[in-house]
Amino acid sequence: MTEITVRQRNQITIPKAIAEEAGIAEGAVGDLSYANGVITISFRGHPREPFDLSRYIGIGRGLWGDTVEEIDRTLREQRDTADRY
């Protein structure tokens, strides 16, 4: 978490690294809200990167085994040891 300081006239500065990562440039217009102790800033027209599910292909590869038999055996063992109510 990045620490900020409230200056004169309630001004804060968004650190450069965060502004760049969020795509916030000089002159950006945003909305500020406060609810349940949380301040949220949302910038209008923020370019949002499209969600690409293909980034997660293969994320679990090798987790339960490498062959169908290994995977089947591992899952069976886990099912047998699971607490069932």
N, C-alpha and C. Protein backbone atom coordinates (compact mmCIF):
# COMPACT_ATOMS: atom_id res chain seq x y z
N MET A 1 0.85 -1.18 0.00
CA MET A 1 0.00 0.00 0.00
C MET A 1 0.89 1.23 0.00
N THR A 2 0.50 2.23 -0.73
CA THR A 2 1.27 3.46 -0.86
C THR A 2 0.72 4.52 0.08
N GLU A 3 1.59 5.17 0.80
CA GLU A 3 1.19 6.21 1.74
C GLU A 3 1.12 7.55 1.02
N ILE A 4 0.09 8.32 1.31
CA ILE A 4 -0.05 9.66 0.74
C ILE A 4 -0.27 10.64 1.89
N THR A 5 -0.09 11.93 1.61
CA THR A 5 -0.29 12.97 2.60
C THR A 5 -1.29 13.97 2.07
N VAL A 6 -2.25 14.34 2.92
CA VAL A 6 -3.22 15.37 2.54
C VAL A 6 -2.56 16.72 2.81
N ARG A 7 -2.50 17.54 1.77
CA ARG A 7 -1.86 18.85 1.88
C ARG A 7 -2.91 19.95 2.07
N GLN A 8 -2.42 21.16 1.99
CA GLN A 8 -3.28 22.34 2.13
C GLN A 8 -4.46 22.24 1.17
N ARG A 9 -5.60 22.65 1.60
CA ARG A 9 -6.85 22.63 0.82
C ARG A 9 -7.23 21.19 0.41
N ASN A 10 -6.91 20.22 1.25
CA ASN A 10 -7.29 18.81 1.06
C ASN A 10 -6.76 18.20 -0.23
N GLN A 11 -5.62 18.65 -0.69
CA GLN A 11 -5.04 18.12 -1.92
C GLN A 11 -4.18 16.90 -1.64
N ILE A 12 -4.23 15.94 -2.57
CA ILE A 12 -3.34 14.78 -2.52
C ILE A 12 -2.69 14.63 -3.89
N THR A 13 -1.57 13.95 -3.93
CA THR A 13 -0.90 13.68 -5.20
C THR A 13 -0.92 12.17 -5.41
N ILE A 14 -1.36 11.75 -6.59
CA ILE A 14 -1.33 10.33 -6.93
C ILE A 14 0.11 10.02 -7.36
N PRO A 15 0.76 9.07 -6.70
CA PRO A 15 2.14 8.74 -7.07
C PRO A 15 2.25 8.39 -8.56
N LYS A 16 3.37 8.80 -9.16
CA LYS A 16 3.57 8.64 -10.60
C LYS A 16 3.38 7.20 -11.06
N ALA A 17 3.96 6.24 -10.35
CA ALA A 17 3.87 4.83 -10.76
C ALA A 17 2.42 4.36 -10.80
N ILE A 18 1.63 4.77 -9.82
CA ILE A 18 0.22 4.36 -9.78
C ILE A 18 -0.56 5.05 -10.89
N ALA A 19 -0.30 6.35 -11.10
CA ALA A 19 -0.99 7.08 -12.17
C ALA A 19 -0.70 6.46 -13.53
N GLU A 20 0.56 6.10 -13.77
CA GLU A 20 0.93 5.49 -15.05
C GLU A 20 0.27 4.12 -15.21
N GLU A 21 0.30 3.32 -14.15
CA GLU A 21 -0.29 1.98 -14.21
C GLU A 21 -1.80 2.05 -14.46
N ALA A 22 -2.45 3.06 -13.88
CA ALA A 22 -3.90 3.21 -14.03
C ALA A 22 -4.28 3.98 -15.29
N GLY A 23 -3.31 4.52 -16.00
CA GLY A 23 -3.60 5.27 -17.21
C GLY A 23 -4.20 6.64 -16.94
N ILE A 24 -3.83 7.24 -15.81
CA ILE A 24 -4.35 8.56 -15.44
C ILE A 24 -3.36 9.61 -15.91
N ALA A 25 -3.83 10.55 -16.74
CA ALA A 25 -2.98 11.61 -17.26
C ALA A 25 -3.49 12.96 -16.78
N GLU A 26 -2.68 13.99 -16.96
CA GLU A 26 -3.08 15.34 -16.58
C GLU A 26 -4.37 15.71 -17.28
N GLY A 27 -5.29 16.29 -16.53
CA GLY A 27 -6.57 16.70 -17.08
C GLY A 27 -7.65 15.62 -17.02
N ALA A 28 -7.29 14.43 -16.51
CA ALA A 28 -8.29 13.35 -16.40
C ALA A 28 -9.39 13.78 -15.43
N VAL A 29 -10.63 13.46 -15.75
CA VAL A 29 -11.78 13.82 -14.93
C VAL A 29 -12.29 12.55 -14.26
N GLY A 30 -12.51 12.64 -12.96
CA GLY A 30 -12.95 11.46 -12.23
C GLY A 30 -14.08 11.76 -11.27
N ASP A 31 -14.63 10.72 -10.70
CA ASP A 31 -15.68 10.82 -9.69
C ASP A 31 -15.12 10.32 -8.37
N LEU A 32 -15.44 11.01 -7.29
CA LEU A 32 -14.97 10.66 -5.97
C LEU A 32 -16.16 10.30 -5.11
N SER A 33 -16.06 9.17 -4.39
CA SER A 33 -17.16 8.79 -3.50
C SER A 33 -16.59 8.27 -2.19
N TYR A 34 -17.42 8.35 -1.15
CA TYR A 34 -17.03 7.89 0.18
C TYR A 34 -18.16 7.03 0.73
N ALA A 35 -17.83 5.81 1.14
CA ALA A 35 -18.83 4.93 1.74
C ALA A 35 -18.14 3.96 2.69
N ASN A 36 -18.67 3.81 3.86
CA ASN A 36 -18.17 2.86 4.85
C ASN A 36 -16.68 2.99 5.12
N GLY A 37 -16.19 4.21 5.20
CA GLY A 37 -14.79 4.45 5.51
C GLY A 37 -13.82 4.28 4.35
N VAL A 38 -14.35 4.12 3.13
CA VAL A 38 -13.50 3.92 1.95
C VAL A 38 -13.73 5.04 0.95
N ILE A 39 -12.65 5.67 0.51
CA ILE A 39 -12.72 6.69 -0.53
C ILE A 39 -12.37 6.02 -1.85
N THR A 40 -13.22 6.22 -2.85
CA THR A 40 -13.00 5.61 -4.17
C THR A 40 -12.95 6.70 -5.22
N ILE A 41 -11.95 6.61 -6.10
CA ILE A 41 -11.84 7.54 -7.23
C ILE A 41 -12.00 6.71 -8.50
N SER A 42 -12.95 7.10 -9.34
CA SER A 42 -13.18 6.42 -10.62
C SER A 42 -13.00 7.43 -11.73
N PHE A 43 -12.17 7.10 -12.69
CA PHE A 43 -11.93 8.01 -13.80
C PHE A 43 -12.78 7.64 -14.99
N ARG A 44 -13.40 8.65 -15.58
CA ARG A 44 -14.29 8.44 -16.72
C ARG A 44 -13.49 8.09 -17.96
N GLY A 45 -14.03 7.22 -18.75
CA GLY A 45 -13.40 6.86 -20.01
C GLY A 45 -12.06 6.17 -19.84
N HIS A 46 -11.86 5.58 -18.68
CA HIS A 46 -10.59 4.89 -18.45
C HIS A 46 -10.47 3.73 -19.42
N PRO A 47 -9.38 3.68 -20.17
CA PRO A 47 -9.23 2.57 -21.12
C PRO A 47 -9.04 1.26 -20.38
N ARG A 48 -10.01 0.39 -20.49
CA ARG A 48 -9.95 -0.88 -19.78
C ARG A 48 -9.47 -1.97 -20.73
N GLU A 49 -8.48 -2.70 -20.29
CA GLU A 49 -7.94 -3.79 -21.09
C GLU A 49 -8.98 -4.89 -21.19
N PRO A 50 -9.25 -5.38 -22.40
CA PRO A 50 -10.24 -6.45 -22.52
C PRO A 50 -9.78 -7.71 -21.79
N PHE A 51 -10.72 -8.38 -21.16
CA PHE A 51 -10.40 -9.60 -20.41
C PHE A 51 -10.12 -10.73 -21.39
N ASP A 52 -8.97 -11.34 -21.25
CA ASP A 52 -8.56 -12.42 -22.15
C ASP A 52 -8.41 -13.71 -21.36
N LEU A 53 -9.41 -14.56 -21.43
CA LEU A 53 -9.42 -15.80 -20.68
C LEU A 53 -8.28 -16.74 -21.11
N SER A 54 -7.79 -16.59 -22.32
CA SER A 54 -6.74 -17.47 -22.81
C SER A 54 -5.44 -17.31 -22.02
N ARG A 55 -5.29 -16.23 -21.24
CA ARG A 55 -4.10 -16.07 -20.40
C ARG A 55 -4.00 -17.17 -19.35
N TYR A 56 -5.14 -17.80 -19.04
CA TYR A 56 -5.17 -18.80 -17.97
C TYR A 56 -5.09 -20.23 -18.48
N ILE A 57 -4.92 -20.41 -19.77
CA ILE A 57 -4.82 -21.75 -20.32
C ILE A 57 -3.58 -22.42 -19.74
N GLY A 58 -3.76 -23.62 -19.22
CA GLY A 58 -2.65 -24.39 -18.68
C GLY A 58 -2.23 -24.03 -17.28
N ILE A 59 -2.99 -23.19 -16.59
CA ILE A 59 -2.60 -22.74 -15.26
C ILE A 59 -2.51 -23.89 -14.26
N GLY A 60 -3.31 -24.93 -14.45
CA GLY A 60 -3.30 -26.05 -13.51
C GLY A 60 -2.54 -27.26 -14.02
N ARG A 61 -1.82 -27.11 -15.11
CA ARG A 61 -1.09 -28.23 -15.72
C ARG A 61 -0.13 -28.85 -14.70
N GLY A 62 -0.24 -30.16 -14.54
CA GLY A 62 0.65 -30.89 -13.64
C GLY A 62 0.25 -30.83 -12.18
N LEU A 63 -0.81 -30.11 -11.86
CA LEU A 63 -1.22 -29.96 -10.47
C LEU A 63 -1.65 -31.27 -9.84
N TRP A 64 -2.39 -32.09 -10.58
CA TRP A 64 -2.86 -33.37 -10.05
C TRP A 64 -2.14 -34.55 -10.67
N GLY A 65 -1.27 -34.30 -11.62
CA GLY A 65 -0.53 -35.36 -12.30
C GLY A 65 -0.35 -35.00 -13.75
N ASP A 66 0.42 -35.84 -14.44
CA ASP A 66 0.70 -35.55 -15.84
C ASP A 66 -0.10 -36.42 -16.81
N THR A 67 -0.49 -37.60 -16.37
CA THR A 67 -1.26 -38.48 -17.24
C THR A 67 -2.67 -38.61 -16.70
N VAL A 68 -3.56 -39.12 -17.54
CA VAL A 68 -4.95 -39.30 -17.12
C VAL A 68 -5.02 -40.22 -15.90
N GLU A 69 -4.19 -41.26 -15.90
CA GLU A 69 -4.19 -42.21 -14.78
C GLU A 69 -3.73 -41.55 -13.49
N GLU A 70 -2.67 -40.72 -13.56
CA GLU A 70 -2.18 -40.02 -12.37
C GLU A 70 -3.23 -39.06 -11.83
N ILE A 71 -3.85 -38.33 -12.73
CA ILE A 71 -4.88 -37.37 -12.32
C ILE A 71 -6.05 -38.09 -11.67
N ASP A 72 -6.50 -39.18 -12.28
CA ASP A 72 -7.61 -39.96 -11.75
C ASP A 72 -7.27 -40.51 -10.36
N ARG A 73 -6.06 -41.05 -10.19
CA ARG A 73 -5.63 -41.61 -8.91
C ARG A 73 -5.57 -40.51 -7.84
N THR A 74 -4.99 -39.37 -8.18
CA THR A 74 -4.88 -38.27 -7.22
C THR A 74 -6.26 -37.78 -6.78
N LEU A 75 -7.17 -37.59 -7.73
CA LEU A 75 -8.51 -37.13 -7.37
C LEU A 75 -9.24 -38.15 -6.52
N ARG A 76 -9.08 -39.44 -6.84
CA ARG A 76 -9.72 -40.49 -6.04
C ARG A 76 -9.18 -40.47 -4.61
N GLU A 77 -7.86 -40.32 -4.46
CA GLU A 77 -7.25 -40.27 -3.13
C GLU A 77 -7.74 -39.06 -2.34
N GLN A 78 -7.86 -37.92 -3.00
CA GLN A 78 -8.33 -36.72 -2.32
C GLN A 78 -9.79 -36.86 -1.91
N ARG A 79 -10.60 -37.48 -2.75
CA ARG A 79 -12.01 -37.70 -2.40
C ARG A 79 -12.14 -38.63 -1.21
N ASP A 80 -11.28 -39.66 -1.16
CA ASP A 80 -11.35 -40.62 -0.07
C ASP A 80 -10.93 -40.03 1.26
N THR A 81 -10.05 -39.02 1.25
CA THR A 81 -9.58 -38.43 2.50
C THR A 81 -10.37 -37.19 2.91
N ALA A 82 -11.27 -36.71 2.07
CA ALA A 82 -12.03 -35.50 2.37
C ALA A 82 -13.04 -35.77 3.48
N ASP A 83 -13.22 -34.76 4.32
CA ASP A 83 -14.26 -34.85 5.36
C ASP A 83 -15.61 -34.65 4.71
N ARG A 84 -16.47 -35.59 4.92
CA ARG A 84 -17.82 -35.50 4.35
C ARG A 84 -18.84 -35.44 5.49
N TYR A 85 -19.74 -34.54 5.35
CA TYR A 85 -20.77 -34.37 6.40
C TYR A 85 -22.09 -34.86 5.92
